[in-house]
Amino acid sequence: MRAVITVIGKDKIGIIAGISNILANCSVNILDISQTTMQDVFTMVMLVDISKLSVQFAELSEQLENKGVEMGLSVKIQHEDIFNSMHRI
């Protein structure tokens, strides 16, 4: 099972570390990551493997959203199939 994580907000030190730490603590493997900064706006998309997730999906989502609030970011996670359905042309 895979999921897509999106992160958007003002660029600052520690964003990738903060998100990655939560993922590691929940046994989530990062498969692919793309990030860019446009002026001072940070954007990141991660494809992650949640097949060995050690907590409920809802709890992971809450932890990521709370980290986002703490850092002034928008952090969302969606199952890959839902993400693909929502972004189909």
PDB file of N, CA and C in Angstrom:
ATOM      1  N   MET A   1       0.834  -1.180   0.000  1.00  0.00           N
ATOM      2  CA  MET A   1       0.000   0.000   0.000  1.00  0.00           C
ATOM      3  C   MET A   1       0.877   1.242   0.000  1.00  0.00           C
ATOM      4  N   ARG A   2       0.458   2.212  -0.792  1.00  0.00           N
ATOM      5  CA  ARG A   2       1.225   3.450  -0.876  1.00  0.00           C
ATOM      6  C   ARG A   2       0.321   4.644  -0.627  1.00  0.00           C
ATOM      7  N   ALA A   3       0.962   5.745  -0.254  1.00  0.00           N
ATOM      8  CA  ALA A   3       0.238   6.992   0.000  1.00  0.00           C
ATOM      9  C   ALA A   3       1.056   8.155  -0.534  1.00  0.00           C
ATOM     10  N   VAL A   4       0.375   9.276  -0.734  1.00  0.00           N
ATOM     11  CA  VAL A   4       1.006  10.507  -1.211  1.00  0.00           C
ATOM     12  C   VAL A   4       0.880  11.556  -0.115  1.00  0.00           C
ATOM     13  N   ILE A   5       1.999  12.183   0.213  1.00  0.00           N
ATOM     14  CA  ILE A   5       2.036  13.252   1.217  1.00  0.00           C
ATOM     15  C   ILE A   5       2.396  14.542   0.501  1.00  0.00           C
ATOM     16  N   THR A   6       1.631  15.602   0.775  1.00  0.00           N
ATOM     17  CA  THR A   6       1.953  16.917   0.226  1.00  0.00           C
ATOM     18  C   THR A   6       2.234  17.881   1.373  1.00  0.00           C
ATOM     19  N   VAL A   7       3.236  18.716   1.168  1.00  0.00           N
ATOM     20  CA  VAL A   7       3.632  19.704   2.171  1.00  0.00           C
ATOM     21  C   VAL A   7       3.813  21.045   1.458  1.00  0.00           C
ATOM     22  N   ILE A   8       3.151  22.069   1.969  1.00  0.00           N
ATOM     23  CA  ILE A   8       3.250  23.406   1.370  1.00  0.00           C
ATOM     24  C   ILE A   8       3.334  24.434   2.494  1.00  0.00           C
ATOM     25  N   GLY A   9       4.218  25.394   2.333  1.00  0.00           N
ATOM     26  CA  GLY A   9       4.301  26.475   3.317  1.00  0.00           C
ATOM     27  C   GLY A   9       5.555  27.296   3.155  1.00  0.00           C
ATOM     28  N   LYS A  10       5.748  28.207   4.075  1.00  0.00           N
ATOM     29  CA  LYS A  10       6.930  29.073   4.067  1.00  0.00           C
ATOM     30  C   LYS A  10       8.170  28.224   4.351  1.00  0.00           C
ATOM     31  N   ASP A  11       9.193  28.406   3.552  1.00  0.00           N
ATOM     32  CA  ASP A  11      10.427  27.634   3.699  1.00  0.00           C
ATOM     33  C   ASP A  11      11.111  27.944   5.023  1.00  0.00           C
ATOM     34  N   LYS A  12      11.604  26.887   5.668  1.00  0.00           N
ATOM     35  CA  LYS A  12      12.367  27.028   6.913  1.00  0.00           C
ATOM     36  C   LYS A  12      13.202  25.775   7.113  1.00  0.00           C
ATOM     37  N   ILE A  13      14.163  25.865   7.969  1.00  0.00           N
ATOM     38  CA  ILE A  13      15.030  24.735   8.285  1.00  0.00           C
ATOM     39  C   ILE A  13      14.240  23.656   9.018  1.00  0.00           C
ATOM     40  N   GLY A  14      14.449  22.396   8.633  1.00  0.00           N
ATOM     41  CA  GLY A  14      13.904  21.264   9.377  1.00  0.00           C
ATOM     42  C   GLY A  14      12.609  20.678   8.869  1.00  0.00           C
ATOM     43  N   ILE A  15      12.077  21.172   7.764  1.00  0.00           N
ATOM     44  CA  ILE A  15      10.801  20.645   7.275  1.00  0.00           C
ATOM     45  C   ILE A  15      10.925  19.161   6.919  1.00  0.00           C
ATOM     46  N   ILE A  16      11.883  18.831   6.071  1.00  0.00           N
ATOM     47  CA  ILE A  16      12.033  17.434   5.647  1.00  0.00           C
ATOM     48  C   ILE A  16      12.354  16.548   6.847  1.00  0.00           C
ATOM     49  N   ALA A  17      13.197  17.021   7.740  1.00  0.00           N
ATOM     50  CA  ALA A  17      13.552  16.247   8.934  1.00  0.00           C
ATOM     51  C   ALA A  17      12.328  16.009   9.812  1.00  0.00           C
ATOM     52  N   GLY A  18      11.506  17.020  10.005  1.00  0.00           N
ATOM     53  CA  GLY A  18      10.326  16.889  10.850  1.00  0.00           C
ATOM     54  C   GLY A  18       9.338  15.870  10.314  1.00  0.00           C
ATOM     55  N   ILE A  19       9.079  15.922   9.015  1.00  0.00           N
ATOM     56  CA  ILE A  19       8.147  14.981   8.392  1.00  0.00           C
ATOM     57  C   ILE A  19       8.756  13.581   8.359  1.00  0.00           C
ATOM     58  N   SER A  20      10.014  13.486   7.975  1.00  0.00           N
ATOM     59  CA  SER A  20      10.679  12.178   7.886  1.00  0.00           C
ATOM     60  C   SER A  20      10.762  11.477   9.222  1.00  0.00           C
ATOM     61  N   ASN A  21      10.948  12.232  10.299  1.00  0.00           N
ATOM     62  CA  ASN A  21      11.020  11.649  11.634  1.00  0.00           C
ATOM     63  C   ASN A  21       9.703  10.974  12.011  1.00  0.00           C
ATOM     64  N   ILE A  22       8.590  11.633  11.731  1.00  0.00           N
ATOM     65  CA  ILE A  22       7.281  11.035  12.001  1.00  0.00           C
ATOM     66  C   ILE A  22       7.118   9.753  11.190  1.00  0.00           C
ATOM     67  N   LEU A  23       7.486   9.803   9.921  1.00  0.00           N
ATOM     68  CA  LEU A  23       7.344   8.627   9.067  1.00  0.00           C
ATOM     69  C   LEU A  23       8.177   7.462   9.586  1.00  0.00           C
ATOM     70  N   ALA A  24       9.407   7.720   9.972  1.00  0.00           N
ATOM     71  CA  ALA A  24      10.278   6.664  10.490  1.00  0.00           C
ATOM     72  C   ALA A  24       9.705   6.065  11.769  1.00  0.00           C
ATOM     73  N   ASN A  25       9.192   6.914  12.658  1.00  0.00           N
ATOM     74  CA  ASN A  25       8.619   6.433  13.914  1.00  0.00           C
ATOM     75  C   ASN A  25       7.366   5.588  13.710  1.00  0.00           C
ATOM     76  N   CYS A  26       6.714   5.751  12.567  1.00  0.00           N
ATOM     77  CA  CYS A  26       5.488   4.998  12.256  1.00  0.00           C
ATOM     78  C   CYS A  26       5.750   3.867  11.261  1.00  0.00           C
ATOM     79  N   SER A  27       7.013   3.561  10.996  1.00  0.00           N
ATOM     80  CA  SER A  27       7.420   2.477  10.086  1.00  0.00           C
ATOM     81  C   SER A  27       6.951   2.703   8.649  1.00  0.00           C
ATOM     82  N   VAL A  28       7.040   3.944   8.195  1.00  0.00           N
ATOM     83  CA  VAL A  28       6.683   4.306   6.830  1.00  0.00           C
ATOM     84  C   VAL A  28       7.974   4.533   6.054  1.00  0.00           C
ATOM     85  N   ASN A  29       8.067   3.919   4.869  1.00  0.00           N
ATOM     86  CA  ASN A  29       9.257   4.052   4.032  1.00  0.00           C
ATOM     87  C   ASN A  29       9.012   5.078   2.930  1.00  0.00           C
ATOM     88  N   ILE A  30       9.933   5.998   2.759  1.00  0.00           N
ATOM     89  CA  ILE A  30       9.848   6.994   1.684  1.00  0.00           C
ATOM     90  C   ILE A  30      10.361   6.344   0.404  1.00  0.00           C
ATOM     91  N   LEU A  31       9.487   6.272  -0.610  1.00  0.00           N
ATOM     92  CA  LEU A  31       9.854   5.676  -1.895  1.00  0.00           C
ATOM     93  C   LEU A  31      10.388   6.714  -2.873  1.00  0.00           C
ATOM     94  N   ASP A  32       9.796   7.896  -2.838  1.00  0.00           N
ATOM     95  CA  ASP A  32      10.210   8.960  -3.755  1.00  0.00           C
ATOM     96  C   ASP A  32       9.857  10.291  -3.113  1.00  0.00           C
ATOM     97  N   ILE A  33      10.661  11.289  -3.406  1.00  0.00           N
ATOM     98  CA  ILE A  33      10.434  12.611  -2.831  1.00  0.00           C
ATOM     99  C   ILE A  33      10.822  13.668  -3.862  1.00  0.00           C
ATOM    100  N   SER A  34       9.984  14.682  -3.971  1.00  0.00           N
ATOM    101  CA  SER A  34      10.260  15.810  -4.847  1.00  0.00           C
ATOM    102  C   SER A  34       9.961  17.066  -4.054  1.00  0.00           C
ATOM    103  N   GLN A  35      10.920  17.964  -4.004  1.00  0.00           N
ATOM    104  CA  GLN A  35      10.697  19.216  -3.282  1.00  0.00           C
ATOM    105  C   GLN A  35      11.331  20.358  -4.039  1.00  0.00           C
ATOM    106  N   THR A  36      10.726  21.513  -3.884  1.00  0.00           N
ATOM    107  CA  THR A  36      11.258  22.709  -4.512  1.00  0.00           C
ATOM    108  C   THR A  36      10.891  23.914  -3.656  1.00  0.00           C
ATOM    109  N   THR A  37      11.646  24.962  -3.835  1.00  0.00           N
ATOM    110  CA  THR A  37      11.357  26.223  -3.165  1.00  0.00           C
ATOM    111  C   THR A  37      11.242  27.293  -4.237  1.00  0.00           C
ATOM    112  N   MET A  38      10.103  27.973  -4.265  1.00  0.00           N
ATOM    113  CA  MET A  38       9.885  29.081  -5.192  1.00  0.00           C
ATOM    114  C   MET A  38       9.846  30.346  -4.354  1.00  0.00           C
ATOM    115  N   GLN A  39      10.888  31.153  -4.478  1.00  0.00           N
ATOM    116  CA  GLN A  39      11.116  32.297  -3.598  1.00  0.00           C
ATOM    117  C   GLN A  39      11.155  31.781  -2.173  1.00  0.00           C
ATOM    118  N   ASP A  40      10.162  32.054  -1.331  1.00  0.00           N
ATOM    119  CA  ASP A  40      10.211  31.524   0.034  1.00  0.00           C
ATOM    120  C   ASP A  40       9.099  30.510   0.294  1.00  0.00           C
ATOM    121  N   VAL A  41       8.484  29.983  -0.775  1.00  0.00           N
ATOM    122  CA  VAL A  41       7.423  28.984  -0.641  1.00  0.00           C
ATOM    123  C   VAL A  41       7.996  27.592  -0.887  1.00  0.00           C
ATOM    124  N   PHE A  42       7.859  26.731   0.118  1.00  0.00           N
ATOM    125  CA  PHE A  42       8.363  25.360   0.055  1.00  0.00           C
ATOM    126  C   PHE A  42       7.221  24.437  -0.360  1.00  0.00           C
ATOM    127  N   THR A  43       7.494  23.558  -1.327  1.00  0.00           N
ATOM    128  CA  THR A  43       6.517  22.538  -1.719  1.00  0.00           C
ATOM    129  C   THR A  43       7.224  21.191  -1.785  1.00  0.00           C
ATOM    130  N   MET A  44       6.537  20.157  -1.325  1.00  0.00           N
ATOM    131  CA  MET A  44       7.116  18.818  -1.354  1.00  0.00           C
ATOM    132  C   MET A  44       6.003  17.800  -1.577  1.00  0.00           C
ATOM    133  N   VAL A  45       6.312  16.803  -2.387  1.00  0.00           N
ATOM    134  CA  VAL A  45       5.429  15.665  -2.590  1.00  0.00           C
ATOM    135  C   VAL A  45       6.253  14.418  -2.315  1.00  0.00           C
ATOM    136  N   MET A  46       5.697  13.528  -1.490  1.00  0.00           N
ATOM    137  CA  MET A  46       6.372  12.273  -1.152  1.00  0.00           C
ATOM    138  C   MET A  46       5.460  11.105  -1.512  1.00  0.00           C
ATOM    139  N   LEU A  47       6.040  10.073  -2.097  1.00  0.00           N
ATOM    140  CA  LEU A  47       5.353   8.809  -2.291  1.00  0.00           C
ATOM    141  C   LEU A  47       5.914   7.867  -1.237  1.00  0.00           C
ATOM    142  N   VAL A  48       5.044   7.298  -0.403  1.00  0.00           N
ATOM    143  CA  VAL A  48       5.506   6.491   0.715  1.00  0.00           C
ATOM    144  C   VAL A  48       4.837   5.120   0.714  1.00  0.00           C
ATOM    145  N   ASP A  49       5.555   4.145   1.271  1.00  0.00           N
ATOM    146  CA  ASP A  49       5.048   2.787   1.448  1.00  0.00           C
ATOM    147  C   ASP A  49       4.491   2.676   2.859  1.00  0.00           C
ATOM    148  N   ILE A  50       3.183   2.400   2.959  1.00  0.00           N
ATOM    149  CA  ILE A  50       2.553   2.300   4.273  1.00  0.00           C
ATOM    150  C   ILE A  50       2.175   0.854   4.609  1.00  0.00           C
ATOM    151  N   SER A  51       2.752  -0.093   3.905  1.00  0.00           N
ATOM    152  CA  SER A  51       2.389  -1.501   4.130  1.00  0.00           C
ATOM    153  C   SER A  51       2.806  -2.007   5.506  1.00  0.00           C
ATOM    154  N   LYS A  52       3.800  -1.389   6.135  1.00  0.00           N
ATOM    155  CA  LYS A  52       4.258  -1.807   7.467  1.00  0.00           C
ATOM    156  C   LYS A  52       3.924  -0.764   8.532  1.00  0.00           C
ATOM    157  N   LEU A  53       2.938   0.064   8.243  1.00  0.00           N
ATOM    158  CA  LEU A  53       2.520   1.139   9.137  1.00  0.00           C
ATOM    159  C   LEU A  53       2.240   0.590  10.535  1.00  0.00           C
ATOM    160  N   SER A  54       2.859   1.188  11.547  1.00  0.00           N
ATOM    161  CA  SER A  54       2.744   0.690  12.924  1.00  0.00           C
ATOM    162  C   SER A  54       1.639   1.374  13.731  1.00  0.00           C
ATOM    163  N   VAL A  55       0.922   2.308  13.118  1.00  0.00           N
ATOM    164  CA  VAL A  55      -0.211   2.991  13.752  1.00  0.00           C
ATOM    165  C   VAL A  55      -1.358   3.002  12.746  1.00  0.00           C
ATOM    166  N   GLN A  56      -2.530   3.388  13.189  1.00  0.00           N
ATOM    167  CA  GLN A  56      -3.663   3.532  12.270  1.00  0.00           C
ATOM    168  C   GLN A  56      -3.379   4.681  11.300  1.00  0.00           C
ATOM    169  N   PHE A  57      -3.899   4.564  10.072  1.00  0.00           N
ATOM    170  CA  PHE A  57      -3.696   5.596   9.059  1.00  0.00           C
ATOM    171  C   PHE A  57      -4.173   6.955   9.574  1.00  0.00           C
ATOM    172  N   ALA A  58      -5.308   6.982  10.249  1.00  0.00           N
ATOM    173  CA  ALA A  58      -5.850   8.241  10.781  1.00  0.00           C
ATOM    174  C   ALA A  58      -4.898   8.877  11.794  1.00  0.00           C
ATOM    175  N   GLU A  59      -4.218   8.056  12.587  1.00  0.00           N
ATOM    176  CA  GLU A  59      -3.265   8.585  13.565  1.00  0.00           C
ATOM    177  C   GLU A  59      -2.044   9.187  12.866  1.00  0.00           C
ATOM    178  N   LEU A  60      -1.551   8.516  11.832  1.00  0.00           N
ATOM    179  CA  LEU A  60      -0.436   9.059  11.053  1.00  0.00           C
ATOM    180  C   LEU A  60      -0.836  10.403  10.453  1.00  0.00           C
ATOM    181  N   SER A  61      -2.016  10.458   9.868  1.00  0.00           N
ATOM    182  CA  SER A  61      -2.504  11.696   9.274  1.00  0.00           C
ATOM    183  C   SER A  61      -2.564  12.813  10.311  1.00  0.00           C
ATOM    184  N   GLU A  62      -3.055  12.493  11.498  1.00  0.00           N
ATOM    185  CA  GLU A  62      -3.140  13.489  12.569  1.00  0.00           C
ATOM    186  C   GLU A  62      -1.755  13.964  13.002  1.00  0.00           C
ATOM    187  N   GLN A  63      -0.814  13.045  13.139  1.00  0.00           N
ATOM    188  CA  GLN A  63       0.548  13.424  13.523  1.00  0.00           C
ATOM    189  C   GLN A  63       1.164  14.362  12.486  1.00  0.00           C
ATOM    190  N   LEU A  64       0.969  14.040  11.202  1.00  0.00           N
ATOM    191  CA  LEU A  64       1.524  14.881  10.138  1.00  0.00           C
ATOM    192  C   LEU A  64       0.867  16.256  10.130  1.00  0.00           C
ATOM    193  N   GLU A  65      -0.459  16.294  10.279  1.00  0.00           N
ATOM    194  CA  GLU A  65      -1.150  17.583  10.301  1.00  0.00           C
ATOM    195  C   GLU A  65      -0.724  18.413  11.510  1.00  0.00           C
ATOM    196  N   ASN A  66      -0.543  17.772  12.667  1.00  0.00           N
ATOM    197  CA  ASN A  66      -0.089  18.495  13.861  1.00  0.00           C
ATOM    198  C   ASN A  66       1.314  19.062  13.669  1.00  0.00           C
ATOM    199  N   LYS A  67       2.191  18.300  13.031  1.00  0.00           N
ATOM    200  CA  LYS A  67       3.542  18.801  12.736  1.00  0.00           C
ATOM    201  C   LYS A  67       3.435  19.995  11.795  1.00  0.00           C
ATOM    202  N   GLY A  68       2.523  19.921  10.847  1.00  0.00           N
ATOM    203  CA  GLY A  68       2.304  21.038   9.934  1.00  0.00           C
ATOM    204  C   GLY A  68       1.873  22.293  10.677  1.00  0.00           C
ATOM    205  N   VAL A  69       0.923  22.149  11.591  1.00  0.00           N
ATOM    206  CA  VAL A  69       0.458  23.291  12.393  1.00  0.00           C
ATOM    207  C   VAL A  69       1.620  23.866  13.193  1.00  0.00           C
ATOM    208  N   GLU A  70       2.394  22.979  13.806  1.00  0.00           N
ATOM    209  CA  GLU A  70       3.549  23.405  14.609  1.00  0.00           C
ATOM    210  C   GLU A  70       4.555  24.198  13.788  1.00  0.00           C
ATOM    211  N   MET A  71       4.724  23.807  12.519  1.00  0.00           N
ATOM    212  CA  MET A  71       5.719  24.444  11.663  1.00  0.00           C
ATOM    213  C   MET A  71       5.127  25.481  10.710  1.00  0.00           C
ATOM    214  N   GLY A  72       3.829  25.706  10.783  1.00  0.00           N
ATOM    215  CA  GLY A  72       3.192  26.680   9.895  1.00  0.00           C
ATOM    216  C   GLY A  72       3.061  26.184   8.470  1.00  0.00           C
ATOM    217  N   LEU A  73       2.782  24.883   8.304  1.00  0.00           N
ATOM    218  CA  LEU A  73       2.698  24.256   6.982  1.00  0.00           C
ATOM    219  C   LEU A  73       1.357  23.563   6.802  1.00  0.00           C
ATOM    220  N   SER A  74       1.004  23.323   5.563  1.00  0.00           N
ATOM    221  CA  SER A  74      -0.113  22.445   5.243  1.00  0.00           C
ATOM    222  C   SER A  74       0.478  21.081   4.902  1.00  0.00           C
ATOM    223  N   VAL A  75       0.111  20.050   5.669  1.00  0.00           N
ATOM    224  CA  VAL A  75       0.618  18.694   5.434  1.00  0.00           C
ATOM    225  C   VAL A  75      -0.584  17.768   5.315  1.00  0.00           C
ATOM    226  N   LYS A  76      -0.699  17.098   4.173  1.00  0.00           N
ATOM    227  CA  LYS A  76      -1.816  16.187   3.913  1.00  0.00           C
ATOM    228  C   LYS A  76      -1.277  14.846   3.428  1.00  0.00           C
ATOM    229  N   ILE A  77      -1.979  13.769   3.799  1.00  0.00           N
ATOM    230  CA  ILE A  77      -1.654  12.438   3.311  1.00  0.00           C
ATOM    231  C   ILE A  77      -2.925  11.818   2.756  1.00  0.00           C
ATOM    232  N   GLN A  78      -2.783  11.122   1.610  1.00  0.00           N
ATOM    233  CA  GLN A  78      -3.901  10.424   0.988  1.00  0.00           C
ATOM    234  C   GLN A  78      -3.412   9.072   0.496  1.00  0.00           C
ATOM    235  N   HIS A  79      -4.300   8.068   0.567  1.00  0.00           N
ATOM    236  CA  HIS A  79      -3.969   6.804  -0.068  1.00  0.00           C
ATOM    237  C   HIS A  79      -3.738   7.073  -1.550  1.00  0.00           C
ATOM    238  N   GLU A  80      -2.811   6.359  -2.150  1.00  0.00           N
ATOM    239  CA  GLU A  80      -2.439   6.597  -3.545  1.00  0.00           C
ATOM    240  C   GLU A  80      -3.629   6.478  -4.485  1.00  0.00           C
ATOM    241  N   ASP A  81      -4.501   5.495  -4.289  1.00  0.00           N
ATOM    242  CA  ASP A  81      -5.636   5.318  -5.192  1.00  0.00           C
ATOM    243  C   ASP A  81      -6.606   6.500  -5.126  1.00  0.00           C
ATOM    244  N   ILE A  82      -6.805   7.070  -3.940  1.00  0.00           N
ATOM    245  CA  ILE A  82      -7.666   8.244  -3.814  1.00  0.00           C
ATOM    246  C   ILE A  82      -7.019   9.453  -4.479  1.00  0.00           C
ATOM    247  N   PHE A  83      -5.711   9.613  -4.255  1.00  0.00           N
ATOM    248  CA  PHE A  83      -4.975  10.712  -4.878  1.00  0.00           C
ATOM    249  C   PHE A  83      -5.092  10.626  -6.406  1.00  0.00           C
ATOM    250  N   ASN A  84      -4.869   9.430  -6.951  1.00  0.00           N
ATOM    251  CA  ASN A  84      -4.939   9.238  -8.399  1.00  0.00           C
ATOM    252  C   ASN A  84      -6.333   9.523  -8.935  1.00  0.00           C
ATOM    253  N   SER A  85      -7.367   9.079  -8.228  1.00  0.00           N
ATOM    254  CA  SER A  85      -8.748   9.322  -8.661  1.00  0.00           C
ATOM    255  C   SER A  85      -9.068  10.810  -8.681  1.00  0.00           C
ATOM    256  N   MET A  86      -8.587  11.532  -7.687  1.00  0.00           N
ATOM    257  CA  MET A  86      -8.878  12.968  -7.598  1.00  0.00           C
ATOM    258  C   MET A  86      -8.127  13.771  -8.650  1.00  0.00           C
ATOM    259  N   HIS A  87      -7.013  13.256  -9.164  1.00  0.00           N
ATOM    260  CA  HIS A  87      -6.197  14.015 -10.101  1.00  0.00           C
ATOM    261  C   HIS A  87      -6.203  13.441 -11.498  1.00  0.00           C
ATOM    262  N   ARG A  88      -7.197  12.636 -11.802  1.00  0.00           N
ATOM    263  CA  ARG A  88      -7.341  12.076 -13.140  1.00  0.00           C
ATOM    264  C   ARG A  88      -7.983  13.120 -14.042  1.00  0.00           C
ATOM    265  N   ILE A  89      -7.463  13.253 -15.251  1.00  0.00           N
ATOM    266  CA  ILE A  89      -8.012  14.244 -16.196  1.00  0.00           C
ATOM    267  C   ILE A  89      -9.051  13.580 -17.065  1.00  0.00           C
TER     268      ILE A  89
END
